[in-house]
Amino acid sequence: MAIPVAVPHALLDFIKKGNKFLVVGHKEPDGDCLGSQLALSSVLQRLGKEAILCSAGPFKRPEVQAYQDRFTAHIGAPEREGARVFILDCAAPSRTGDLHAALEGLPTAIIDHHAARAEGSSDLLYLDPAAPSVTFMILGLIEALGLQPTKEEAEYLLFGLCTDTGFFRHSDERSAETFAYTARLIRAGASPKRIFQRMHGGKSLNSRFLMGILLSRVQAYFGGTLLLTTEAYEETQRFGMEGRDSDTLYQVLQEVSGVEAIVIIRQENPEQCTVGLRSLDRVNVAEIAAQFGGGGHKNAAGCSIPGTIASVQPHIIKAFAEKLEAGEAAP
């Protein structure tokens, strides 16, 4: 069982000594990033602090779009004055996107659970690669402050935990502590049922049409251990961002016998592709993503690569060749 890294006393002092905080997450936020920000901001306000939620966006994922209006994408002199900074769910301040330059020179604490090493310098680092989510770490911080999460905070925290565990699909026999934390959040009023509906309900009919197209062009490599599909730029234009339902697509493909890893390459614009990577157990996709300037977790990672699907795809397949037994591509 993974033992959580203890909350540093310096982090508690960082909070106690500050009166104003910019609570920042990475660009293209997911549920763990936003859930961490929302919960921490609420706690800081309960402590009598000023907390400003900051995100460069874009809010692409359907399950986080409802929160967009609570975040600012601009940090000017008034926001910077007297502020301390929390950067959540990324150890590299550059991953905050357009906000990065505005944060320079401010006292900063980073809270993250990714395996990547911290970029540059920071006043304070609270890193726990064994933690299943940053919201897991934020609950520990709340309790270290002598508080208990409110019902609203518990809902944010469970949302982030469910996001990064794939609603516990990635949990195994080492996850007892994860479920102990989950029980505490449920006792505080969080509803797994509501969170599941937020994450998986309300999909558009276009999302089913697009999923059918992506499933129809899946290719298998290395004896079926790698499954890869692509989404053309024209399809994004036709079906819209709301047509994407990557999590369900990954789930469907993970059910294929013998599969070890899954790749979705999307042409985000004529010059750039994004690559989503998932694995079951044997392959560490975070290591593959890092080869292309990306990152993530052992079983879920991603990156952005200049070029077209045709130019990017061979490089991705080659990277997996080093992890998987070579074999003929399936027809």
C-alpha atoms as a PDB file:
ATOM      1  CA  MET A   1       0.000   0.000   0.000  1.00  0.00           C
ATOM      2  CA  ALA A   2       1.390   3.402  -0.961  1.00  0.00           C
ATOM      3  CA  ILE A   3       1.947   5.629   2.058  1.00  0.00           C
ATOM      4  CA  PRO A   4       1.083   9.287   1.361  1.00  0.00           C
ATOM      5  CA  VAL A   5       3.936  11.750   1.599  1.00  0.00           C
ATOM      6  CA  ALA A   6       3.451  13.845   4.710  1.00  0.00           C
ATOM      7  CA  VAL A   7       2.334  17.429   4.161  1.00  0.00           C
ATOM      8  CA  PRO A   8       5.428  19.610   4.717  1.00  0.00           C
ATOM      9  CA  HIS A   9       5.210  21.983   7.680  1.00  0.00           C
ATOM     10  CA  ALA A  10       6.657  24.634   5.386  1.00  0.00           C
ATOM     11  CA  LEU A  11       3.532  24.369   3.227  1.00  0.00           C
ATOM     12  CA  LEU A  12       1.306  25.071   6.222  1.00  0.00           C
ATOM     13  CA  ASP A  13       3.482  28.081   7.080  1.00  0.00           C
ATOM     14  CA  PHE A  14       3.280  29.223   3.451  1.00  0.00           C
ATOM     15  CA  ILE A  15      -0.504  29.380   3.828  1.00  0.00           C
ATOM     16  CA  LYS A  16      -0.534  30.927   7.295  1.00  0.00           C
ATOM     17  CA  LYS A  17       1.832  33.742   6.316  1.00  0.00           C
ATOM     18  CA  GLY A  18      -0.050  34.728   3.178  1.00  0.00           C
ATOM     19  CA  ASN A  19      -3.200  36.777   2.768  1.00  0.00           C
ATOM     20  CA  LYS A  20      -3.693  36.551  -0.986  1.00  0.00           C
ATOM     21  CA  PHE A  21      -3.151  33.564  -3.282  1.00  0.00           C
ATOM     22  CA  LEU A  22      -3.265  32.919  -7.009  1.00  0.00           C
ATOM     23  CA  VAL A  23      -4.415  29.317  -7.414  1.00  0.00           C
ATOM     24  CA  VAL A  24      -3.135  28.185 -10.812  1.00  0.00           C
ATOM     25  CA  GLY A  25      -3.404  24.974 -12.810  1.00  0.00           C
ATOM     26  CA  HIS A  26      -1.988  23.686 -16.068  1.00  0.00           C
ATOM     27  CA  LYS A  27      -3.328  24.649 -19.487  1.00  0.00           C
ATOM     28  CA  GLU A  28      -6.131  22.472 -20.911  1.00  0.00           C
ATOM     29  CA  PRO A  29      -7.273  21.573 -17.382  1.00  0.00           C
ATOM     30  CA  ASP A  30      -8.829  18.234 -16.469  1.00  0.00           C
ATOM     31  CA  GLY A  31     -10.973  17.242 -13.502  1.00  0.00           C
ATOM     32  CA  ASP A  32      -8.067  16.686 -11.125  1.00  0.00           C
ATOM     33  CA  CYS A  33      -6.535  20.061 -11.935  1.00  0.00           C
ATOM     34  CA  LEU A  34      -9.786  22.015 -11.555  1.00  0.00           C
ATOM     35  CA  GLY A  35     -11.020  19.961  -8.605  1.00  0.00           C
ATOM     36  CA  SER A  36      -7.775  20.694  -6.772  1.00  0.00           C
ATOM     37  CA  GLN A  37      -7.957  24.387  -7.577  1.00  0.00           C
ATOM     38  CA  LEU A  38     -11.605  24.745  -6.594  1.00  0.00           C
ATOM     39  CA  ALA A  39     -11.202  22.866  -3.316  1.00  0.00           C
ATOM     40  CA  LEU A  40      -7.987  24.659  -2.287  1.00  0.00           C
ATOM     41  CA  SER A  41      -9.471  28.049  -3.166  1.00  0.00           C
ATOM     42  CA  SER A  42     -12.512  27.309  -1.007  1.00  0.00           C
ATOM     43  CA  VAL A  43     -10.321  26.262   1.930  1.00  0.00           C
ATOM     44  CA  LEU A  44      -8.175  29.383   1.657  1.00  0.00           C
ATOM     45  CA  GLN A  45     -11.302  31.529   1.700  1.00  0.00           C
ATOM     46  CA  ARG A  46     -12.542  29.679   4.795  1.00  0.00           C
ATOM     47  CA  LEU A  47      -9.238  30.646   6.414  1.00  0.00           C
ATOM     48  CA  GLY A  48      -9.931  34.303   5.668  1.00  0.00           C
ATOM     49  CA  LYS A  49      -7.561  34.510   2.689  1.00  0.00           C
ATOM     50  CA  GLU A  50      -8.198  35.978  -0.739  1.00  0.00           C
ATOM     51  CA  ALA A  51      -8.006  33.307  -3.441  1.00  0.00           C
ATOM     52  CA  ILE A  52      -8.059  33.968  -7.185  1.00  0.00           C
ATOM     53  CA  LEU A  53      -8.675  30.996  -9.497  1.00  0.00           C
ATOM     54  CA  CYS A  54      -6.450  31.192 -12.598  1.00  0.00           C
ATOM     55  CA  SER A  55      -6.345  29.071 -15.743  1.00  0.00           C
ATOM     56  CA  ALA A  56      -5.088  29.702 -19.250  1.00  0.00           C
ATOM     57  CA  GLY A  57      -7.644  27.175 -20.552  1.00  0.00           C
ATOM     58  CA  PRO A  58      -8.936  26.162 -22.987  1.00  0.00           C
ATOM     59  CA  PHE A  59     -11.680  24.231 -21.190  1.00  0.00           C
ATOM     60  CA  LYS A  60     -11.988  21.503 -23.814  1.00  0.00           C
ATOM     61  CA  ARG A  61     -13.331  18.655 -21.700  1.00  0.00           C
ATOM     62  CA  PRO A  62     -17.141  18.637 -21.404  1.00  0.00           C
ATOM     63  CA  GLU A  63     -17.066  17.749 -17.700  1.00  0.00           C
ATOM     64  CA  VAL A  64     -15.097  20.908 -16.767  1.00  0.00           C
ATOM     65  CA  GLN A  65     -16.734  23.468 -19.038  1.00  0.00           C
ATOM     66  CA  ALA A  66     -19.346  24.450 -16.452  1.00  0.00           C
ATOM     67  CA  TYR A  67     -16.569  25.860 -14.226  1.00  0.00           C
ATOM     68  CA  GLN A  68     -14.919  28.073 -16.845  1.00  0.00           C
ATOM     69  CA  ASP A  69     -16.544  31.324 -15.686  1.00  0.00           C
ATOM     70  CA  ARG A  70     -15.008  30.953 -12.227  1.00  0.00           C
ATOM     71  CA  PHE A  71     -11.462  31.265 -13.579  1.00  0.00           C
ATOM     72  CA  THR A  72      -9.505  34.208 -14.905  1.00  0.00           C
ATOM     73  CA  ALA A  73      -7.030  33.918 -17.766  1.00  0.00           C
ATOM     74  CA  HIS A  74      -5.450  37.307 -16.996  1.00  0.00           C
ATOM     75  CA  ILE A  75      -3.034  38.117 -14.180  1.00  0.00           C
ATOM     76  CA  GLY A  76      -2.178  41.794 -14.077  1.00  0.00           C
ATOM     77  CA  ALA A  77      -0.482  44.095 -11.574  1.00  0.00           C
ATOM     78  CA  PRO A  78      -3.536  44.255  -9.248  1.00  0.00           C
ATOM     79  CA  GLU A  79      -3.705  40.468  -9.048  1.00  0.00           C
ATOM     80  CA  ARG A  80       0.063  40.120  -8.508  1.00  0.00           C
ATOM     81  CA  GLU A  81       0.305  42.698  -5.726  1.00  0.00           C
ATOM     82  CA  GLY A  82       1.047  40.929  -2.436  1.00  0.00           C
ATOM     83  CA  ALA A  83       0.139  37.533  -3.870  1.00  0.00           C
ATOM     84  CA  ARG A  84       1.557  34.099  -3.285  1.00  0.00           C
ATOM     85  CA  VAL A  85       1.097  31.365  -5.882  1.00  0.00           C
ATOM     86  CA  PHE A  86      -0.080  27.782  -5.775  1.00  0.00           C
ATOM     87  CA  ILE A  87       0.615  25.777  -8.942  1.00  0.00           C
ATOM     88  CA  LEU A  88      -1.375  22.549  -8.935  1.00  0.00           C
ATOM     89  CA  ASP A  89      -1.176  19.338 -10.958  1.00  0.00           C
ATOM     90  CA  CYS A  90       2.041  20.216 -12.784  1.00  0.00           C
ATOM     91  CA  ALA A  91       5.638  20.504 -11.615  1.00  0.00           C
ATOM     92  CA  ALA A  92       6.610  22.657 -14.611  1.00  0.00           C
ATOM     93  CA  PRO A  93       5.421  26.279 -14.307  1.00  0.00           C
ATOM     94  CA  SER A  94       5.696  26.587 -18.090  1.00  0.00           C
ATOM     95  CA  ARG A  95       2.707  24.208 -18.336  1.00  0.00           C
ATOM     96  CA  THR A  96       0.503  26.990 -16.978  1.00  0.00           C
ATOM     97  CA  GLY A  97       0.592  28.350 -20.523  1.00  0.00           C
ATOM     98  CA  ASP A  98       0.122  32.066 -21.042  1.00  0.00           C
ATOM     99  CA  LEU A  99       0.041  32.652 -17.267  1.00  0.00           C
ATOM    100  CA  HIS A 100       3.650  31.595 -16.789  1.00  0.00           C
ATOM    101  CA  ALA A 101       5.290  34.987 -17.324  1.00  0.00           C
ATOM    102  CA  ALA A 102       2.861  36.722 -14.950  1.00  0.00           C
ATOM    103  CA  LEU A 103       3.808  34.344 -12.115  1.00  0.00           C
ATOM    104  CA  GLU A 104       7.555  34.939 -12.237  1.00  0.00           C
ATOM    105  CA  GLY A 105       9.040  36.495  -9.116  1.00  0.00           C
ATOM    106  CA  LEU A 106       6.120  35.629  -6.832  1.00  0.00           C
ATOM    107  CA  PRO A 107       6.499  33.246  -3.844  1.00  0.00           C
ATOM    108  CA  THR A 108       5.369  29.897  -5.232  1.00  0.00           C
ATOM    109  CA  ALA A 109       4.385  26.484  -3.951  1.00  0.00           C
ATOM    110  CA  ILE A 110       3.940  23.552  -6.305  1.00  0.00           C
ATOM    111  CA  ILE A 111       1.702  20.573  -5.481  1.00  0.00           C
ATOM    112  CA  ASP A 112       1.872  17.686  -7.948  1.00  0.00           C
ATOM    113  CA  HIS A 113       1.745  13.905  -8.210  1.00  0.00           C
ATOM    114  CA  HIS A 114       3.346  13.356 -11.610  1.00  0.00           C
ATOM    115  CA  ALA A 115       6.647  11.550 -11.833  1.00  0.00           C
ATOM    116  CA  ALA A 116       8.329  14.316 -13.834  1.00  0.00           C
ATOM    117  CA  ARG A 117      10.899  16.350 -11.949  1.00  0.00           C
ATOM    118  CA  ALA A 118      10.120  19.945 -11.074  1.00  0.00           C
ATOM    119  CA  GLU A 119      11.170  22.527 -13.644  1.00  0.00           C
ATOM    120  CA  GLY A 120      13.279  25.472 -12.570  1.00  0.00           C
ATOM    121  CA  SER A 121      13.073  26.612  -8.963  1.00  0.00           C
ATOM    122  CA  SER A 122      10.242  27.155  -6.527  1.00  0.00           C
ATOM    123  CA  ASP A 123       9.978  28.337  -2.958  1.00  0.00           C
ATOM    124  CA  LEU A 124       8.254  25.098  -1.989  1.00  0.00           C
ATOM    125  CA  LEU A 125       7.658  21.697  -3.589  1.00  0.00           C
ATOM    126  CA  TYR A 126       5.110  19.166  -2.355  1.00  0.00           C
ATOM    127  CA  LEU A 127       5.445  16.193  -4.706  1.00  0.00           C
ATOM    128  CA  ASP A 128       4.031  12.702  -4.264  1.00  0.00           C
ATOM    129  CA  PRO A 129       4.287  10.471  -7.371  1.00  0.00           C
ATOM    130  CA  ALA A 130       2.545   7.669  -5.454  1.00  0.00           C
ATOM    131  CA  ALA A 131      -0.607   9.736  -4.949  1.00  0.00           C
ATOM    132  CA  PRO A 132      -3.473   8.806  -7.310  1.00  0.00           C
ATOM    133  CA  SER A 133      -4.448  12.455  -7.817  1.00  0.00           C
ATOM    134  CA  VAL A 134      -3.602  15.942  -6.618  1.00  0.00           C
ATOM    135  CA  THR A 135      -7.042  16.132  -4.995  1.00  0.00           C
ATOM    136  CA  PHE A 136      -5.892  13.183  -2.848  1.00  0.00           C
ATOM    137  CA  MET A 137      -3.001  15.397  -1.699  1.00  0.00           C
ATOM    138  CA  ILE A 138      -5.268  18.420  -1.148  1.00  0.00           C
ATOM    139  CA  LEU A 139      -7.447  16.369   1.216  1.00  0.00           C
ATOM    140  CA  GLY A 140      -4.297  15.591   3.204  1.00  0.00           C
ATOM    141  CA  LEU A 141      -3.481  19.304   3.267  1.00  0.00           C
ATOM    142  CA  ILE A 142      -6.985  20.201   4.475  1.00  0.00           C
ATOM    143  CA  GLU A 143      -6.709  17.684   7.294  1.00  0.00           C
ATOM    144  CA  ALA A 144      -3.189  18.876   8.169  1.00  0.00           C
ATOM    145  CA  LEU A 145      -4.679  22.365   8.593  1.00  0.00           C
ATOM    146  CA  GLY A 146      -7.011  20.902  11.229  1.00  0.00           C
ATOM    147  CA  LEU A 147     -10.076  21.173   8.986  1.00  0.00           C
ATOM    148  CA  GLN A 148     -12.532  18.814   7.356  1.00  0.00           C
ATOM    149  CA  PRO A 149     -13.778  19.328   3.782  1.00  0.00           C
ATOM    150  CA  THR A 150     -17.194  20.867   3.283  1.00  0.00           C
ATOM    151  CA  LYS A 151     -19.698  18.975   1.142  1.00  0.00           C
ATOM    152  CA  GLU A 152     -18.809  21.170  -1.845  1.00  0.00           C
ATOM    153  CA  GLU A 153     -15.069  20.714  -1.344  1.00  0.00           C
ATOM    154  CA  ALA A 154     -15.506  16.948  -0.958  1.00  0.00           C
ATOM    155  CA  GLU A 155     -17.362  16.862  -4.269  1.00  0.00           C
ATOM    156  CA  TYR A 156     -14.513  18.720  -6.009  1.00  0.00           C
ATOM    157  CA  LEU A 157     -11.944  16.387  -4.466  1.00  0.00           C
ATOM    158  CA  LEU A 158     -13.773  13.201  -5.403  1.00  0.00           C
ATOM    159  CA  PHE A 159     -14.296  14.540  -8.931  1.00  0.00           C
ATOM    160  CA  GLY A 160     -10.530  14.924  -9.328  1.00  0.00           C
ATOM    161  CA  LEU A 161      -9.806  11.537  -7.779  1.00  0.00           C
ATOM    162  CA  CYS A 162     -12.310   9.796 -10.055  1.00  0.00           C
ATOM    163  CA  THR A 163     -10.890  11.613 -13.081  1.00  0.00           C
ATOM    164  CA  ASP A 164      -7.310  10.465 -12.521  1.00  0.00           C
ATOM    165  CA  THR A 165      -8.180   6.923 -11.468  1.00  0.00           C
ATOM    166  CA  GLY A 166     -10.569   6.414 -14.399  1.00  0.00           C
ATOM    167  CA  PHE A 167     -13.308   6.022 -11.804  1.00  0.00           C
ATOM    168  CA  PHE A 168     -10.999   3.530 -10.025  1.00  0.00           C
ATOM    169  CA  ARG A 169     -10.272   1.441 -13.129  1.00  0.00           C
ATOM    170  CA  HIS A 170      -6.553   2.109 -12.583  1.00  0.00           C
ATOM    171  CA  SER A 171      -6.697   1.128  -8.892  1.00  0.00           C
ATOM    172  CA  ASP A 172      -5.192  -2.185  -7.816  1.00  0.00           C
ATOM    173  CA  GLU A 173      -4.288  -4.154  -4.690  1.00  0.00           C
ATOM    174  CA  ARG A 174      -2.060  -1.264  -3.562  1.00  0.00           C
ATOM    175  CA  SER A 175      -4.969   1.196  -3.465  1.00  0.00           C
ATOM    176  CA  ALA A 176      -6.367   0.679   0.028  1.00  0.00           C
ATOM    177  CA  GLU A 177      -5.375   4.217   1.030  1.00  0.00           C
ATOM    178  CA  THR A 178      -7.167   5.609  -2.039  1.00  0.00           C
ATOM    179  CA  PHE A 179     -10.418   3.983  -0.971  1.00  0.00           C
ATOM    180  CA  ALA A 180      -9.920   5.115   2.632  1.00  0.00           C
ATOM    181  CA  TYR A 181      -9.681   8.702   1.368  1.00  0.00           C
ATOM    182  CA  THR A 182     -12.706   8.112  -0.850  1.00  0.00           C
ATOM    183  CA  ALA A 183     -14.727   6.972   2.154  1.00  0.00           C
ATOM    184  CA  ARG A 184     -13.828  10.180   4.006  1.00  0.00           C
ATOM    185  CA  LEU A 185     -15.000  12.271   1.057  1.00  0.00           C
ATOM    186  CA  ILE A 186     -18.281  10.358   0.811  1.00  0.00           C
ATOM    187  CA  ARG A 187     -18.861  10.829   4.549  1.00  0.00           C
ATOM    188  CA  ALA A 188     -18.352  14.553   3.949  1.00  0.00           C
ATOM    189  CA  GLY A 189     -21.165  14.514   1.378  1.00  0.00           C
ATOM    190  CA  ALA A 190     -19.561  13.734  -1.988  1.00  0.00           C
ATOM    191  CA  SER A 191     -21.712  11.586  -4.280  1.00  0.00           C
ATOM    192  CA  PRO A 192     -20.026   9.029  -6.598  1.00  0.00           C
ATOM    193  CA  LYS A 193     -23.310   8.803  -8.499  1.00  0.00           C
ATOM    194  CA  ARG A 194     -23.387  12.543  -9.250  1.00  0.00           C
ATOM    195  CA  ILE A 195     -19.741  12.546 -10.239  1.00  0.00           C
ATOM    196  CA  PHE A 196     -20.129   9.557 -12.553  1.00  0.00           C
ATOM    197  CA  GLN A 197     -23.032  11.306 -14.284  1.00  0.00           C
ATOM    198  CA  ARG A 198     -20.972  14.503 -14.630  1.00  0.00           C
ATOM    199  CA  MET A 199     -18.079  12.572 -16.145  1.00  0.00           C
ATOM    200  CA  HIS A 200     -19.987  10.199 -18.403  1.00  0.00           C
ATOM    201  CA  GLY A 201     -23.500  11.564 -18.883  1.00  0.00           C
ATOM    202  CA  GLY A 202     -24.866  14.191 -21.240  1.00  0.00           C
ATOM    203  CA  LYS A 203     -22.903  13.082 -24.301  1.00  0.00           C
ATOM    204  CA  SER A 204     -23.969  14.353 -27.705  1.00  0.00           C
ATOM    205  CA  LEU A 205     -25.203  12.112 -30.503  1.00  0.00           C
ATOM    206  CA  ASN A 206     -22.244  13.408 -32.529  1.00  0.00           C
ATOM    207  CA  SER A 207     -19.917  11.806 -29.976  1.00  0.00           C
ATOM    208  CA  ARG A 208     -21.348   8.393 -30.813  1.00  0.00           C
ATOM    209  CA  PHE A 209     -21.012   9.027 -34.560  1.00  0.00           C
ATOM    210  CA  LEU A 210     -17.388  10.147 -34.166  1.00  0.00           C
ATOM    211  CA  MET A 211     -16.569   7.188 -31.924  1.00  0.00           C
ATOM    212  CA  GLY A 212     -17.875   4.829 -34.607  1.00  0.00           C
ATOM    213  CA  ILE A 213     -15.585   6.456 -37.173  1.00  0.00           C
ATOM    214  CA  LEU A 214     -12.527   6.218 -34.910  1.00  0.00           C
ATOM    215  CA  LEU A 215     -13.277   2.600 -34.043  1.00  0.00           C
ATOM    216  CA  SER A 216     -13.641   1.741 -37.724  1.00  0.00           C
ATOM    217  CA  ARG A 217     -10.060   2.809 -38.476  1.00  0.00           C
ATOM    218  CA  VAL A 218      -8.276   1.232 -35.494  1.00  0.00           C
ATOM    219  CA  GLN A 219      -5.036  -0.458 -36.518  1.00  0.00           C
ATOM    220  CA  ALA A 220      -3.276  -3.130 -34.461  1.00  0.00           C
ATOM    221  CA  TYR A 221       0.515  -3.434 -34.168  1.00  0.00           C
ATOM    222  CA  PHE A 222       2.992  -5.776 -32.502  1.00  0.00           C
ATOM    223  CA  GLY A 223       0.669  -8.763 -32.459  1.00  0.00           C
ATOM    224  CA  GLY A 224      -2.316  -6.725 -31.286  1.00  0.00           C
ATOM    225  CA  THR A 225      -0.619  -5.346 -28.173  1.00  0.00           C
ATOM    226  CA  LEU A 226      -0.829  -1.780 -29.535  1.00  0.00           C
ATOM    227  CA  LEU A 227      -4.081  -0.316 -30.911  1.00  0.00           C
ATOM    228  CA  LEU A 228      -3.919   3.036 -32.722  1.00  0.00           C
ATOM    229  CA  THR A 229      -6.566   5.260 -34.272  1.00  0.00           C
ATOM    230  CA  THR A 230      -6.640   8.791 -35.658  1.00  0.00           C
ATOM    231  CA  GLU A 231      -8.973  11.766 -35.862  1.00  0.00           C
ATOM    232  CA  ALA A 232      -8.653  14.081 -38.869  1.00  0.00           C
ATOM    233  CA  TYR A 233      -8.878  17.845 -38.572  1.00  0.00           C
ATOM    234  CA  GLU A 234     -11.921  17.804 -40.849  1.00  0.00           C
ATOM    235  CA  GLU A 235     -13.714  15.484 -38.411  1.00  0.00           C
ATOM    236  CA  THR A 236     -13.147  17.866 -35.522  1.00  0.00           C
ATOM    237  CA  GLN A 237     -14.600  20.629 -37.680  1.00  0.00           C
ATOM    238  CA  ARG A 238     -17.584  18.458 -38.579  1.00  0.00           C
ATOM    239  CA  PHE A 239     -18.457  17.032 -35.164  1.00  0.00           C
ATOM    240  CA  GLY A 240     -17.064  19.765 -32.905  1.00  0.00           C
ATOM    241  CA  MET A 241     -15.095  19.394 -29.691  1.00  0.00           C
ATOM    242  CA  GLU A 242     -18.219  18.135 -27.931  1.00  0.00           C
ATOM    243  CA  GLY A 243     -18.097  15.130 -30.233  1.00  0.00           C
ATOM    244  CA  ARG A 244     -15.004  13.815 -28.486  1.00  0.00           C
ATOM    245  CA  ASP A 245     -15.392  11.144 -25.839  1.00  0.00           C
ATOM    246  CA  SER A 246     -11.882   9.817 -25.406  1.00  0.00           C
ATOM    247  CA  ASP A 247     -12.422   8.144 -22.058  1.00  0.00           C
ATOM    248  CA  THR A 248     -15.169   5.870 -23.380  1.00  0.00           C
ATOM    249  CA  LEU A 249     -13.145   5.121 -26.509  1.00  0.00           C
ATOM    250  CA  TYR A 250     -10.165   4.093 -24.386  1.00  0.00           C
ATOM    251  CA  GLN A 251     -12.419   1.885 -22.261  1.00  0.00           C
ATOM    252  CA  VAL A 252     -13.818   0.101 -25.319  1.00  0.00           C
ATOM    253  CA  LEU A 253     -10.360  -0.560 -26.740  1.00  0.00           C
ATOM    254  CA  GLN A 254      -8.919  -1.682 -23.394  1.00  0.00           C
ATOM    255  CA  GLU A 255     -11.447  -4.522 -23.451  1.00  0.00           C
ATOM    256  CA  VAL A 256      -9.810  -6.040 -26.554  1.00  0.00           C
ATOM    257  CA  SER A 257      -8.001  -9.273 -25.753  1.00  0.00           C
ATOM    258  CA  GLY A 258      -4.212  -8.965 -25.684  1.00  0.00           C
ATOM    259  CA  VAL A 259      -4.070  -5.161 -25.846  1.00  0.00           C
ATOM    260  CA  GLU A 260      -1.339  -3.481 -23.792  1.00  0.00           C
ATOM    261  CA  ALA A 261      -1.469   0.109 -25.036  1.00  0.00           C
ATOM    262  CA  ILE A 262      -3.755   2.483 -26.951  1.00  0.00           C
ATOM    263  CA  VAL A 263      -2.967   5.607 -28.976  1.00  0.00           C
ATOM    264  CA  ILE A 264      -5.275   8.296 -30.348  1.00  0.00           C
ATOM    265  CA  ILE A 265      -3.617  10.821 -32.669  1.00  0.00           C
ATOM    266  CA  ARG A 266      -5.657  13.929 -33.406  1.00  0.00           C
ATOM    267  CA  GLN A 267      -4.946  16.636 -35.949  1.00  0.00           C
ATOM    268  CA  GLU A 268      -5.759  19.640 -33.761  1.00  0.00           C
ATOM    269  CA  ASN A 269      -4.925  22.115 -36.516  1.00  0.00           C
ATOM    270  CA  PRO A 270      -3.156  21.817 -39.865  1.00  0.00           C
ATOM    271  CA  GLU A 271       0.279  22.121 -38.194  1.00  0.00           C
ATOM    272  CA  GLN A 272      -0.141  20.318 -34.854  1.00  0.00           C
ATOM    273  CA  CYS A 273      -1.192  16.910 -33.521  1.00  0.00           C
ATOM    274  CA  THR A 274      -2.097  15.862 -30.005  1.00  0.00           C
ATOM    275  CA  VAL A 275      -1.411  12.284 -28.968  1.00  0.00           C
ATOM    276  CA  GLY A 276      -3.303  10.503 -26.199  1.00  0.00           C
ATOM    277  CA  LEU A 277      -1.662   7.409 -24.703  1.00  0.00           C
ATOM    278  CA  ARG A 278      -3.136   4.759 -22.429  1.00  0.00           C
ATOM    279  CA  SER A 279      -1.822   1.430 -21.157  1.00  0.00           C
ATOM    280  CA  LEU A 280      -2.887  -1.417 -18.923  1.00  0.00           C
ATOM    281  CA  ASP A 281       0.120  -2.591 -16.911  1.00  0.00           C
ATOM    282  CA  ARG A 282       3.257  -3.432 -18.871  1.00  0.00           C
ATOM    283  CA  VAL A 283       3.933  -0.146 -20.701  1.00  0.00           C
ATOM    284  CA  ASN A 284       4.804   3.148 -19.026  1.00  0.00           C
ATOM    285  CA  VAL A 285       3.263   5.615 -21.468  1.00  0.00           C
ATOM    286  CA  ALA A 286       4.539   8.602 -19.476  1.00  0.00           C
ATOM    287  CA  GLU A 287       8.054   7.649 -20.607  1.00  0.00           C
ATOM    288  CA  ILE A 288       6.909   7.593 -24.234  1.00  0.00           C
ATOM    289  CA  ALA A 289       5.121  10.940 -23.911  1.00  0.00           C
ATOM    290  CA  ALA A 290       8.265  12.452 -22.371  1.00  0.00           C
ATOM    291  CA  GLN A 291      10.211  11.591 -25.536  1.00  0.00           C
ATOM    292  CA  PHE A 292       7.976  14.089 -27.364  1.00  0.00           C
ATOM    293  CA  GLY A 293       7.890  16.794 -24.688  1.00  0.00           C
ATOM    294  CA  GLY A 294       4.741  15.546 -22.976  1.00  0.00           C
ATOM    295  CA  GLY A 295       4.055  13.761 -19.728  1.00  0.00           C
ATOM    296  CA  GLY A 296       1.482  12.157 -17.472  1.00  0.00           C
ATOM    297  CA  HIS A 297       1.181   8.902 -15.567  1.00  0.00           C
ATOM    298  CA  LYS A 298       2.340   5.351 -16.159  1.00  0.00           C
ATOM    299  CA  ASN A 299      -1.056   4.350 -17.555  1.00  0.00           C
ATOM    300  CA  ALA A 300      -2.283   7.685 -18.970  1.00  0.00           C
ATOM    301  CA  ALA A 301      -0.219  10.346 -20.702  1.00  0.00           C
ATOM    302  CA  GLY A 302      -0.149  12.653 -23.698  1.00  0.00           C
ATOM    303  CA  CYS A 303       1.864  15.054 -25.791  1.00  0.00           C
ATOM    304  CA  SER A 304       1.590  17.616 -28.560  1.00  0.00           C
ATOM    305  CA  ILE A 305       3.746  17.202 -31.669  1.00  0.00           C
ATOM    306  CA  PRO A 306       4.186  19.524 -34.665  1.00  0.00           C
ATOM    307  CA  GLY A 307       3.214  17.923 -37.951  1.00  0.00           C
ATOM    308  CA  THR A 308       0.462  15.900 -39.533  1.00  0.00           C
ATOM    309  CA  ILE A 309      -0.961  12.503 -38.613  1.00  0.00           C
ATOM    310  CA  ALA A 310       0.995  10.981 -41.488  1.00  0.00           C
ATOM    311  CA  SER A 311       4.290  12.389 -40.217  1.00  0.00           C
ATOM    312  CA  VAL A 312       3.664  11.826 -36.487  1.00  0.00           C
ATOM    313  CA  GLN A 313       2.286   8.286 -36.576  1.00  0.00           C
ATOM    314  CA  PRO A 314       5.528   6.476 -37.595  1.00  0.00           C
ATOM    315  CA  HIS A 315       7.443   8.124 -34.732  1.00  0.00           C
ATOM    316  CA  ILE A 316       4.824   7.044 -32.187  1.00  0.00           C
ATOM    317  CA  ILE A 317       4.843   3.458 -33.470  1.00  0.00           C
ATOM    318  CA  LYS A 318       8.648   3.398 -33.345  1.00  0.00           C
ATOM    319  CA  ALA A 319       8.596   4.590 -29.721  1.00  0.00           C
ATOM    320  CA  PHE A 320       6.296   1.702 -28.803  1.00  0.00           C
ATOM    321  CA  ALA A 321       8.508  -0.759 -30.665  1.00  0.00           C
ATOM    322  CA  GLU A 322      11.038  -0.342 -27.876  1.00  0.00           C
ATOM    323  CA  LYS A 323       8.425  -1.338 -25.291  1.00  0.00           C
ATOM    324  CA  LEU A 324       6.471  -4.085 -27.034  1.00  0.00           C
ATOM    325  CA  GLU A 325       7.518  -7.281 -28.708  1.00  0.00           C
ATOM    326  CA  ALA A 326       7.910  -6.693 -32.428  1.00  0.00           C
ATOM    327  CA  GLY A 327       5.348  -8.317 -34.661  1.00  0.00           C
ATOM    328  CA  GLU A 328       3.478  -7.855 -37.880  1.00  0.00           C
ATOM    329  CA  ALA A 329       0.753  -5.247 -37.964  1.00  0.00           C
ATOM    330  CA  ALA A 330      -2.670  -6.827 -37.937  1.00  0.00           C
ATOM    331  CA  PRO A 331      -4.673  -6.384 -41.139  1.00  0.00           C
END
